[in-house]
Amino acid sequence: MTFVLTLTCPDRAGLVYAVTRWIAEGGGNILDSQQFTDTSDAEFFLRVHFEHGADVDALRSGFAPVADEHAMDFRIVVAEAPLRTLVLVSKEGHCLNDLLYRQSTGSLPIEIPAVVSNHPDLEKMAAAYETPFHRLTVTPETKAESEAEILRLVDELDVQLVVLARYMQILSDDLCRSLAGRAINIHHSFLPSFKGARPYHQAHDRGVKLIGATAHYVTADLDEGPIIDQGVLRVDHRMTPADLARVGRDVEAQTLSRAVKLHAEARVLRNGPRTVVLD
């Protein structure tokens, strides 16, 4: 079986040696390793993919003394285990379809046990992939109840990641805190950023030459969470708002899937308001 160890800690000499020695002395074998030191704050980041004969609980217990010695914040996960992922959607299906298709072909290391939506529009799409569909009625009066249902599904389905695949509802601060570090959103713009309704019409009116998408972790600060991945395409004056929206949908779907893959493979480490992506 193979595992992924990720860690962050204050930078100092001997960190890589401490980790690799622990793996070797336990009979493990390193398959792949990436590291990075942020010189601005002397913080060290490491991802190691390794083989080992022990189970994951034994590895976590065994590594704890090394982590304590070096003030490491660490995780060890089974590399082969697909990440159980709950997808939230509204009416637009391009991101959902991309995630479901990539999951079905094995190109995304995730398992989608359910799709949740505040509209019925995408129920047939979920059914085509034999994925349960849960309809929520979200109004100002039922918002708290709806968010409680989302958390209930997270617990009941053993969900490890929540993806907002063009889910057009603003999550409450409480829900954002409950899902901190395990919820990803896709934002429809790169630069400049157009907020509110009809963003591609706004982009067309401003004559933009680049459109794109940003995938980021969800925080209480709307669309300002740590960025995981971004995609961008060049456009020109000949494109209508409909053309921009079509191209934008493709960029959104691809960028979100890349971000989900990076997260599912434990390649994204938080660095304050930023991320370190060890790919």
C-alpha atoms as a PDB file:
ATOM      1  CA  MET A   1       0.000   0.000   0.000  1.00  0.00           C
ATOM      2  CA  THR A   2       1.157   3.556  -0.627  1.00  0.00           C
ATOM      3  CA  PHE A   3       0.679   6.666   1.465  1.00  0.00           C
ATOM      4  CA  VAL A   4       1.145  10.416   1.242  1.00  0.00           C
ATOM      5  CA  LEU A   5       2.735  12.363   4.091  1.00  0.00           C
ATOM      6  CA  THR A   6       2.390  16.142   4.006  1.00  0.00           C
ATOM      7  CA  LEU A   7       3.763  18.515   6.589  1.00  0.00           C
ATOM      8  CA  THR A   8       4.574  22.107   7.395  1.00  0.00           C
ATOM      9  CA  CYS A   9       6.917  23.397  10.081  1.00  0.00           C
ATOM     10  CA  PRO A  10       9.513  26.068  10.809  1.00  0.00           C
ATOM     11  CA  ASP A  11      12.488  25.618   8.513  1.00  0.00           C
ATOM     12  CA  ARG A  12      15.655  24.165  10.005  1.00  0.00           C
ATOM     13  CA  ALA A  13      18.470  21.847   9.033  1.00  0.00           C
ATOM     14  CA  GLY A  14      17.825  18.098   9.015  1.00  0.00           C
ATOM     15  CA  LEU A  15      14.074  18.028   8.282  1.00  0.00           C
ATOM     16  CA  VAL A  16      14.253  15.951   5.104  1.00  0.00           C
ATOM     17  CA  TYR A  17      16.720  13.585   6.776  1.00  0.00           C
ATOM     18  CA  ALA A  18      14.412  13.133   9.774  1.00  0.00           C
ATOM     19  CA  VAL A  19      11.486  12.178   7.535  1.00  0.00           C
ATOM     20  CA  THR A  20      13.372   9.945   5.118  1.00  0.00           C
ATOM     21  CA  ARG A  21      15.197   8.154   7.957  1.00  0.00           C
ATOM     22  CA  TRP A  22      11.864   7.423   9.683  1.00  0.00           C
ATOM     23  CA  ILE A  23      10.438   5.949   6.488  1.00  0.00           C
ATOM     24  CA  ALA A  24      13.556   3.882   5.752  1.00  0.00           C
ATOM     25  CA  GLU A  25      13.972   2.581   9.302  1.00  0.00           C
ATOM     26  CA  GLY A  26      10.343   1.435   9.257  1.00  0.00           C
ATOM     27  CA  GLY A  27      10.897  -0.575   6.091  1.00  0.00           C
ATOM     28  CA  GLY A  28       9.234   1.939   3.775  1.00  0.00           C
ATOM     29  CA  ASN A  29      10.261   3.037   0.301  1.00  0.00           C
ATOM     30  CA  ILE A  30       9.955   6.595  -1.051  1.00  0.00           C
ATOM     31  CA  LEU A  31       8.306   6.841  -4.475  1.00  0.00           C
ATOM     32  CA  ASP A  32       8.180  10.608  -4.909  1.00  0.00           C
ATOM     33  CA  SER A  33       9.006  13.711  -2.887  1.00  0.00           C
ATOM     34  CA  GLN A  34       8.611  17.476  -3.253  1.00  0.00           C
ATOM     35  CA  GLN A  35       9.633  20.214  -0.851  1.00  0.00           C
ATOM     36  CA  PHE A  36       9.572  23.994  -0.629  1.00  0.00           C
ATOM     37  CA  THR A  37      10.882  26.590   1.805  1.00  0.00           C
ATOM     38  CA  ASP A  38       9.145  29.946   1.947  1.00  0.00           C
ATOM     39  CA  THR A  39      12.080  32.225   2.688  1.00  0.00           C
ATOM     40  CA  SER A  40       9.784  35.135   3.548  1.00  0.00           C
ATOM     41  CA  ASP A  41       8.723  33.469   6.805  1.00  0.00           C
ATOM     42  CA  ALA A  42      11.141  30.502   7.021  1.00  0.00           C
ATOM     43  CA  GLU A  43       8.342  27.938   6.712  1.00  0.00           C
ATOM     44  CA  PHE A  44       9.045  24.470   5.319  1.00  0.00           C
ATOM     45  CA  PHE A  45       6.622  22.353   3.246  1.00  0.00           C
ATOM     46  CA  LEU A  46       7.013  18.699   2.282  1.00  0.00           C
ATOM     47  CA  ARG A  47       5.025  16.033   0.438  1.00  0.00           C
ATOM     48  CA  VAL A  48       6.276  12.450   0.344  1.00  0.00           C
ATOM     49  CA  HIS A  49       4.617   9.546  -1.491  1.00  0.00           C
ATOM     50  CA  PHE A  50       5.890   6.265  -0.082  1.00  0.00           C
ATOM     51  CA  GLU A  51       5.254   2.529   0.194  1.00  0.00           C
ATOM     52  CA  HIS A  52       4.912   0.890   3.598  1.00  0.00           C
ATOM     53  CA  GLY A  53       3.651  -2.342   5.092  1.00  0.00           C
ATOM     54  CA  ALA A  54       1.955  -0.760   8.127  1.00  0.00           C
ATOM     55  CA  ASP A  55      -1.600   0.603   8.226  1.00  0.00           C
ATOM     56  CA  VAL A  56      -2.327   4.309   8.234  1.00  0.00           C
ATOM     57  CA  ASP A  57      -3.162   4.547  11.949  1.00  0.00           C
ATOM     58  CA  ALA A  58       0.122   2.891  12.883  1.00  0.00           C
ATOM     59  CA  LEU A  59       2.015   5.268  10.616  1.00  0.00           C
ATOM     60  CA  ARG A  60       0.343   8.314  12.149  1.00  0.00           C
ATOM     61  CA  SER A  61       1.185   7.134  15.662  1.00  0.00           C
ATOM     62  CA  GLY A  62       4.703   6.204  14.652  1.00  0.00           C
ATOM     63  CA  PHE A  63       5.450   9.550  13.046  1.00  0.00           C
ATOM     64  CA  ALA A  64       4.050  11.630  15.921  1.00  0.00           C
ATOM     65  CA  PRO A  65       7.336  11.706  17.922  1.00  0.00           C
ATOM     66  CA  VAL A  66       9.232  12.971  14.858  1.00  0.00           C
ATOM     67  CA  ALA A  67       6.570  15.624  14.299  1.00  0.00           C
ATOM     68  CA  ASP A  68       6.681  16.713  17.941  1.00  0.00           C
ATOM     69  CA  GLU A  69      10.475  17.025  17.859  1.00  0.00           C
ATOM     70  CA  HIS A  70      10.386  19.364  14.864  1.00  0.00           C
ATOM     71  CA  ALA A  71       7.065  21.181  15.532  1.00  0.00           C
ATOM     72  CA  MET A  72       5.522  19.660  12.408  1.00  0.00           C
ATOM     73  CA  ASP A  73       1.859  19.911  11.464  1.00  0.00           C
ATOM     74  CA  PHE A  74       1.384  16.721   9.446  1.00  0.00           C
ATOM     75  CA  ARG A  75      -1.118  14.430   7.697  1.00  0.00           C
ATOM     76  CA  ILE A  76      -0.748  10.880   6.438  1.00  0.00           C
ATOM     77  CA  VAL A  77      -3.387   9.525   4.057  1.00  0.00           C
ATOM     78  CA  VAL A  78      -3.779   6.407   1.939  1.00  0.00           C
ATOM     79  CA  ALA A  79      -2.776   7.402  -1.589  1.00  0.00           C
ATOM     80  CA  GLU A  80      -5.108   4.965  -3.339  1.00  0.00           C
ATOM     81  CA  ALA A  81      -8.244   5.949  -1.402  1.00  0.00           C
ATOM     82  CA  PRO A  82     -10.557   8.193  -3.486  1.00  0.00           C
ATOM     83  CA  LEU A  83     -11.654  11.343  -1.680  1.00  0.00           C
ATOM     84  CA  ARG A  84     -15.365  11.284  -0.874  1.00  0.00           C
ATOM     85  CA  THR A  85     -16.673  14.491  -2.401  1.00  0.00           C
ATOM     86  CA  LEU A  86     -20.072  16.169  -2.035  1.00  0.00           C
ATOM     87  CA  VAL A  87     -20.922  18.472  -4.959  1.00  0.00           C
ATOM     88  CA  LEU A  88     -23.208  21.500  -4.550  1.00  0.00           C
ATOM     89  CA  VAL A  89     -24.820  22.938  -7.686  1.00  0.00           C
ATOM     90  CA  SER A  90     -27.590  25.267  -8.816  1.00  0.00           C
ATOM     91  CA  LYS A  91     -28.702  25.427 -12.471  1.00  0.00           C
ATOM     92  CA  GLU A  92     -25.477  25.408 -14.509  1.00  0.00           C
ATOM     93  CA  GLY A  93     -24.203  21.904 -15.148  1.00  0.00           C
ATOM     94  CA  HIS A  94     -20.841  22.294 -16.917  1.00  0.00           C
ATOM     95  CA  CYS A  95     -18.704  21.909 -13.791  1.00  0.00           C
ATOM     96  CA  LEU A  96     -20.828  19.093 -12.389  1.00  0.00           C
ATOM     97  CA  ASN A  97     -20.755  17.194 -15.676  1.00  0.00           C
ATOM     98  CA  ASP A  98     -16.971  17.523 -15.869  1.00  0.00           C
ATOM     99  CA  LEU A  99     -16.491  16.253 -12.317  1.00  0.00           C
ATOM    100  CA  LEU A 100     -18.877  13.327 -12.775  1.00  0.00           C
ATOM    101  CA  TYR A 101     -17.302  12.339 -16.083  1.00  0.00           C
ATOM    102  CA  ARG A 102     -13.724  12.514 -14.801  1.00  0.00           C
ATOM    103  CA  GLN A 103     -14.727  10.516 -11.733  1.00  0.00           C
ATOM    104  CA  SER A 104     -16.348   7.864 -13.953  1.00  0.00           C
ATOM    105  CA  THR A 105     -13.204   7.476 -16.075  1.00  0.00           C
ATOM    106  CA  GLY A 106     -10.860   7.358 -13.089  1.00  0.00           C
ATOM    107  CA  SER A 107      -9.019  10.548 -14.057  1.00  0.00           C
ATOM    108  CA  LEU A 108     -10.114  12.222 -10.808  1.00  0.00           C
ATOM    109  CA  PRO A 109      -9.276  10.389  -7.557  1.00  0.00           C
ATOM    110  CA  ILE A 110     -12.635  11.168  -5.984  1.00  0.00           C
ATOM    111  CA  GLU A 111     -15.905   9.400  -5.201  1.00  0.00           C
ATOM    112  CA  ILE A 112     -19.099  11.478  -5.410  1.00  0.00           C
ATOM    113  CA  PRO A 113     -21.711   9.919  -3.088  1.00  0.00           C
ATOM    114  CA  ALA A 114     -24.274  12.664  -3.716  1.00  0.00           C
ATOM    115  CA  VAL A 115     -25.123  15.900  -5.496  1.00  0.00           C
ATOM    116  CA  VAL A 116     -26.967  18.648  -3.613  1.00  0.00           C
ATOM    117  CA  SER A 117     -28.845  21.449  -5.346  1.00  0.00           C
ATOM    118  CA  ASN A 118     -31.211  24.293  -4.624  1.00  0.00           C
ATOM    119  CA  HIS A 119     -32.884  23.678  -8.025  1.00  0.00           C
ATOM    120  CA  PRO A 120     -34.181  20.538  -9.790  1.00  0.00           C
ATOM    121  CA  ASP A 121     -32.495  21.264 -13.140  1.00  0.00           C
ATOM    122  CA  LEU A 122     -29.508  18.902 -12.834  1.00  0.00           C
ATOM    123  CA  GLU A 123     -31.248  15.879 -11.335  1.00  0.00           C
ATOM    124  CA  LYS A 124     -31.239  14.030 -14.664  1.00  0.00           C
ATOM    125  CA  MET A 125     -27.520  14.651 -15.102  1.00  0.00           C
ATOM    126  CA  ALA A 126     -26.783  13.166 -11.679  1.00  0.00           C
ATOM    127  CA  ALA A 127     -29.077  10.222 -12.441  1.00  0.00           C
ATOM    128  CA  ALA A 128     -27.165   9.529 -15.672  1.00  0.00           C
ATOM    129  CA  TYR A 129     -24.116   8.830 -13.507  1.00  0.00           C
ATOM    130  CA  GLU A 130     -26.220   6.922 -10.942  1.00  0.00           C
ATOM    131  CA  THR A 131     -25.464   9.554  -8.300  1.00  0.00           C
ATOM    132  CA  PRO A 132     -28.096  10.381  -5.642  1.00  0.00           C
ATOM    133  CA  PHE A 133     -29.538  13.886  -5.967  1.00  0.00           C
ATOM    134  CA  HIS A 134     -30.731  15.895  -2.945  1.00  0.00           C
ATOM    135  CA  ARG A 135     -32.941  18.934  -3.509  1.00  0.00           C
ATOM    136  CA  LEU A 136     -32.802  21.794  -1.018  1.00  0.00           C
ATOM    137  CA  THR A 137     -35.238  24.675  -0.861  1.00  0.00           C
ATOM    138  CA  VAL A 138     -33.099  27.660   0.057  1.00  0.00           C
ATOM    139  CA  THR A 139     -34.841  30.871   1.109  1.00  0.00           C
ATOM    140  CA  PRO A 140     -33.880  33.442   3.720  1.00  0.00           C
ATOM    141  CA  GLU A 141     -36.246  31.624   6.083  1.00  0.00           C
ATOM    142  CA  THR A 142     -34.872  28.115   5.350  1.00  0.00           C
ATOM    143  CA  LYS A 143     -31.175  28.925   4.860  1.00  0.00           C
ATOM    144  CA  ALA A 144     -30.101  27.692   8.295  1.00  0.00           C
ATOM    145  CA  GLU A 145     -32.115  24.489   7.870  1.00  0.00           C
ATOM    146  CA  SER A 146     -30.631  23.898   4.408  1.00  0.00           C
ATOM    147  CA  GLU A 147     -27.086  24.369   5.640  1.00  0.00           C
ATOM    148  CA  ALA A 148     -27.759  21.993   8.524  1.00  0.00           C
ATOM    149  CA  GLU A 149     -28.854  19.415   5.940  1.00  0.00           C
ATOM    150  CA  ILE A 150     -25.594  19.895   4.044  1.00  0.00           C
ATOM    151  CA  LEU A 151     -23.611  19.253   7.222  1.00  0.00           C
ATOM    152  CA  ARG A 152     -25.786  16.238   7.989  1.00  0.00           C
ATOM    153  CA  LEU A 153     -24.944  14.773   4.583  1.00  0.00           C
ATOM    154  CA  VAL A 154     -21.255  15.528   5.109  1.00  0.00           C
ATOM    155  CA  ASP A 155     -21.326  13.506   8.329  1.00  0.00           C
ATOM    156  CA  GLU A 156     -23.678  10.751   7.136  1.00  0.00           C
ATOM    157  CA  LEU A 157     -21.810  10.143   3.860  1.00  0.00           C
ATOM    158  CA  ASP A 158     -18.331  10.476   5.394  1.00  0.00           C
ATOM    159  CA  VAL A 159     -17.563  13.375   3.061  1.00  0.00           C
ATOM    160  CA  GLN A 160     -13.995  14.678   3.021  1.00  0.00           C
ATOM    161  CA  LEU A 161     -14.413  17.466   0.473  1.00  0.00           C
ATOM    162  CA  VAL A 162     -17.276  19.765  -0.542  1.00  0.00           C
ATOM    163  CA  VAL A 163     -17.157  21.316  -4.017  1.00  0.00           C
ATOM    164  CA  LEU A 164     -19.249  24.327  -4.978  1.00  0.00           C
ATOM    165  CA  ALA A 165     -19.638  23.628  -8.697  1.00  0.00           C
ATOM    166  CA  ARG A 166     -21.384  26.892  -9.574  1.00  0.00           C
ATOM    167  CA  TYR A 167     -23.562  26.754  -6.457  1.00  0.00           C
ATOM    168  CA  MET A 168     -25.172  30.178  -6.491  1.00  0.00           C
ATOM    169  CA  GLN A 169     -25.747  30.584  -2.779  1.00  0.00           C
ATOM    170  CA  ILE A 170     -23.530  32.439  -0.313  1.00  0.00           C
ATOM    171  CA  LEU A 171     -22.568  30.148   2.554  1.00  0.00           C
ATOM    172  CA  SER A 172     -22.978  31.464   6.080  1.00  0.00           C
ATOM    173  CA  ASP A 173     -19.915  32.217   8.208  1.00  0.00           C
ATOM    174  CA  ASP A 174     -20.790  29.250  10.424  1.00  0.00           C
ATOM    175  CA  LEU A 175     -20.885  26.817   7.502  1.00  0.00           C
ATOM    176  CA  CYS A 176     -17.634  28.244   6.106  1.00  0.00           C
ATOM    177  CA  ARG A 177     -15.956  27.644   9.456  1.00  0.00           C
ATOM    178  CA  SER A 178     -17.359  24.110   9.658  1.00  0.00           C
ATOM    179  CA  LEU A 179     -15.948  23.321   6.218  1.00  0.00           C
ATOM    180  CA  ALA A 180     -12.664  25.220   6.588  1.00  0.00           C
ATOM    181  CA  GLY A 181      -9.939  23.663   4.465  1.00  0.00           C
ATOM    182  CA  ARG A 182     -12.283  21.103   2.894  1.00  0.00           C
ATOM    183  CA  ALA A 183     -14.503  23.181   0.597  1.00  0.00           C
ATOM    184  CA  ILE A 184     -13.527  24.443  -2.865  1.00  0.00           C
ATOM    185  CA  ASN A 185     -15.313  27.055  -4.966  1.00  0.00           C
ATOM    186  CA  ILE A 186     -14.910  28.116  -8.592  1.00  0.00           C
ATOM    187  CA  HIS A 187     -15.036  31.825  -9.377  1.00  0.00           C
ATOM    188  CA  HIS A 188     -15.922  32.879 -12.899  1.00  0.00           C
ATOM    189  CA  SER A 189     -13.273  35.503 -13.506  1.00  0.00           C
ATOM    190  CA  PHE A 190      -9.538  35.991 -13.655  1.00  0.00           C
ATOM    191  CA  LEU A 191      -8.715  39.654 -14.247  1.00  0.00           C
ATOM    192  CA  PRO A 192     -10.545  41.966 -14.099  1.00  0.00           C
ATOM    193  CA  SER A 193     -13.099  40.599 -11.661  1.00  0.00           C
ATOM    194  CA  PHE A 194     -16.734  41.258 -12.390  1.00  0.00           C
ATOM    195  CA  LYS A 195     -19.116  40.621  -9.541  1.00  0.00           C
ATOM    196  CA  GLY A 196     -22.860  40.289  -9.556  1.00  0.00           C
ATOM    197  CA  ALA A 197     -25.188  39.362 -12.390  1.00  0.00           C
ATOM    198  CA  ARG A 198     -24.223  38.733 -16.028  1.00  0.00           C
ATOM    199  CA  PRO A 199     -20.417  38.777 -15.541  1.00  0.00           C
ATOM    200  CA  TYR A 200     -19.660  37.924 -19.172  1.00  0.00           C
ATOM    201  CA  HIS A 201     -21.837  40.781 -20.380  1.00  0.00           C
ATOM    202  CA  GLN A 202     -19.855  43.064 -18.066  1.00  0.00           C
ATOM    203  CA  ALA A 203     -16.625  41.645 -19.464  1.00  0.00           C
ATOM    204  CA  HIS A 204     -17.844  42.199 -23.020  1.00  0.00           C
ATOM    205  CA  ASP A 205     -18.851  45.774 -22.255  1.00  0.00           C
ATOM    206  CA  ARG A 206     -15.354  46.450 -20.897  1.00  0.00           C
ATOM    207  CA  GLY A 207     -13.646  44.869 -23.892  1.00  0.00           C
ATOM    208  CA  VAL A 208     -11.574  42.406 -21.901  1.00  0.00           C
ATOM    209  CA  LYS A 209      -8.804  40.486 -23.633  1.00  0.00           C
ATOM    210  CA  LEU A 210      -8.440  37.723 -21.017  1.00  0.00           C
ATOM    211  CA  ILE A 211     -11.092  35.665 -19.278  1.00  0.00           C
ATOM    212  CA  GLY A 212     -10.586  32.812 -16.907  1.00  0.00           C
ATOM    213  CA  ALA A 213     -11.475  31.181 -13.640  1.00  0.00           C
ATOM    214  CA  THR A 214     -10.098  30.874 -10.134  1.00  0.00           C
ATOM    215  CA  ALA A 215     -10.553  27.842  -7.877  1.00  0.00           C
ATOM    216  CA  HIS A 216     -10.066  28.606  -4.211  1.00  0.00           C
ATOM    217  CA  TYR A 217     -10.840  27.383  -0.729  1.00  0.00           C
ATOM    218  CA  VAL A 218     -14.086  28.661   0.728  1.00  0.00           C
ATOM    219  CA  THR A 219     -13.843  31.225   3.505  1.00  0.00           C
ATOM    220  CA  ALA A 220     -16.247  33.706   5.073  1.00  0.00           C
ATOM    221  CA  ASP A 221     -14.654  36.409   2.871  1.00  0.00           C
ATOM    222  CA  LEU A 222     -16.600  35.923  -0.358  1.00  0.00           C
ATOM    223  CA  ASP A 223     -14.397  34.732  -3.262  1.00  0.00           C
ATOM    224  CA  GLU A 224     -11.225  35.661  -1.375  1.00  0.00           C
ATOM    225  CA  GLY A 225     -10.099  32.298  -0.008  1.00  0.00           C
ATOM    226  CA  PRO A 226      -6.608  30.881  -0.680  1.00  0.00           C
ATOM    227  CA  ILE A 227      -6.180  30.216  -4.397  1.00  0.00           C
ATOM    228  CA  ILE A 228      -5.532  26.631  -5.527  1.00  0.00           C
ATOM    229  CA  ASP A 229      -5.520  26.962  -9.305  1.00  0.00           C
ATOM    230  CA  GLN A 230      -6.330  29.435 -12.069  1.00  0.00           C
ATOM    231  CA  GLY A 231      -7.035  29.148 -15.769  1.00  0.00           C
ATOM    232  CA  VAL A 232      -7.066  31.847 -18.424  1.00  0.00           C
ATOM    233  CA  LEU A 233      -7.763  32.188 -22.159  1.00  0.00           C
ATOM    234  CA  ARG A 234      -7.208  35.071 -24.574  1.00  0.00           C
ATOM    235  CA  VAL A 235     -10.327  36.532 -26.202  1.00  0.00           C
ATOM    236  CA  ASP A 236     -10.961  39.387 -28.611  1.00  0.00           C
ATOM    237  CA  HIS A 237     -13.479  41.993 -29.770  1.00  0.00           C
ATOM    238  CA  ARG A 238     -15.174  39.620 -32.213  1.00  0.00           C
ATOM    239  CA  MET A 239     -16.603  37.481 -29.424  1.00  0.00           C
ATOM    240  CA  THR A 240     -20.157  38.098 -28.230  1.00  0.00           C
ATOM    241  CA  PRO A 241     -21.234  37.771 -24.588  1.00  0.00           C
ATOM    242  CA  ALA A 242     -22.528  34.288 -25.487  1.00  0.00           C
ATOM    243  CA  ASP A 243     -19.122  33.371 -26.922  1.00  0.00           C
ATOM    244  CA  LEU A 244     -17.401  34.598 -23.756  1.00  0.00           C
ATOM    245  CA  ALA A 245     -19.790  32.610 -21.586  1.00  0.00           C
ATOM    246  CA  ARG A 246     -19.164  29.456 -23.641  1.00  0.00           C
ATOM    247  CA  VAL A 247     -15.399  29.802 -23.378  1.00  0.00           C
ATOM    248  CA  GLY A 248     -15.738  30.747 -19.726  1.00  0.00           C
ATOM    249  CA  ARG A 249     -17.674  27.580 -18.954  1.00  0.00           C
ATOM    250  CA  ASP A 250     -14.848  25.468 -20.376  1.00  0.00           C
ATOM    251  CA  VAL A 251     -12.224  27.303 -18.333  1.00  0.00           C
ATOM    252  CA  GLU A 252     -14.307  27.042 -15.175  1.00  0.00           C
ATOM    253  CA  ALA A 253     -14.817  23.289 -15.541  1.00  0.00           C
ATOM    254  CA  GLN A 254     -11.164  22.557 -16.294  1.00  0.00           C
ATOM    255  CA  THR A 255      -9.835  24.805 -13.541  1.00  0.00           C
ATOM    256  CA  LEU A 256     -12.179  23.353 -10.926  1.00  0.00           C
ATOM    257  CA  SER A 257     -11.280  19.772 -11.864  1.00  0.00           C
ATOM    258  CA  ARG A 258      -7.567  20.570 -11.660  1.00  0.00           C
ATOM    259  CA  ALA A 259      -8.030  22.103  -8.219  1.00  0.00           C
ATOM    260  CA  VAL A 260     -10.062  19.126  -6.985  1.00  0.00           C
ATOM    261  CA  LYS A 261      -7.394  16.738  -8.283  1.00  0.00           C
ATOM    262  CA  LEU A 262      -4.603  18.679  -6.575  1.00  0.00           C
ATOM    263  CA  HIS A 263      -6.520  18.674  -3.293  1.00  0.00           C
ATOM    264  CA  ALA A 264      -7.493  14.997  -3.565  1.00  0.00           C
ATOM    265  CA  GLU A 265      -3.859  14.038  -4.140  1.00  0.00           C
ATOM    266  CA  ALA A 266      -2.791  16.021  -1.042  1.00  0.00           C
ATOM    267  CA  ARG A 267      -0.692  18.422  -3.100  1.00  0.00           C
ATOM    268  CA  VAL A 268      -2.105  21.651  -1.645  1.00  0.00           C
ATOM    269  CA  LEU A 269      -0.719  22.966   1.640  1.00  0.00           C
ATOM    270  CA  ARG A 270      -2.016  26.120   3.304  1.00  0.00           C
ATOM    271  CA  ASN A 271       0.453  28.951   3.842  1.00  0.00           C
ATOM    272  CA  GLY A 272      -1.581  31.606   5.646  1.00  0.00           C
ATOM    273  CA  PRO A 273      -3.717  33.392   3.008  1.00  0.00           C
ATOM    274  CA  ARG A 274      -1.865  31.556   0.225  1.00  0.00           C
ATOM    275  CA  THR A 275      -1.267  27.969  -0.810  1.00  0.00           C
ATOM    276  CA  VAL A 276       1.785  25.934  -1.690  1.00  0.00           C
ATOM    277  CA  VAL A 277       1.021  23.448  -4.481  1.00  0.00           C
ATOM    278  CA  LEU A 278       3.558  20.617  -4.597  1.00  0.00           C
ATOM    279  CA  ASP A 279       2.880  19.065  -7.990  1.00  0.00           C
END
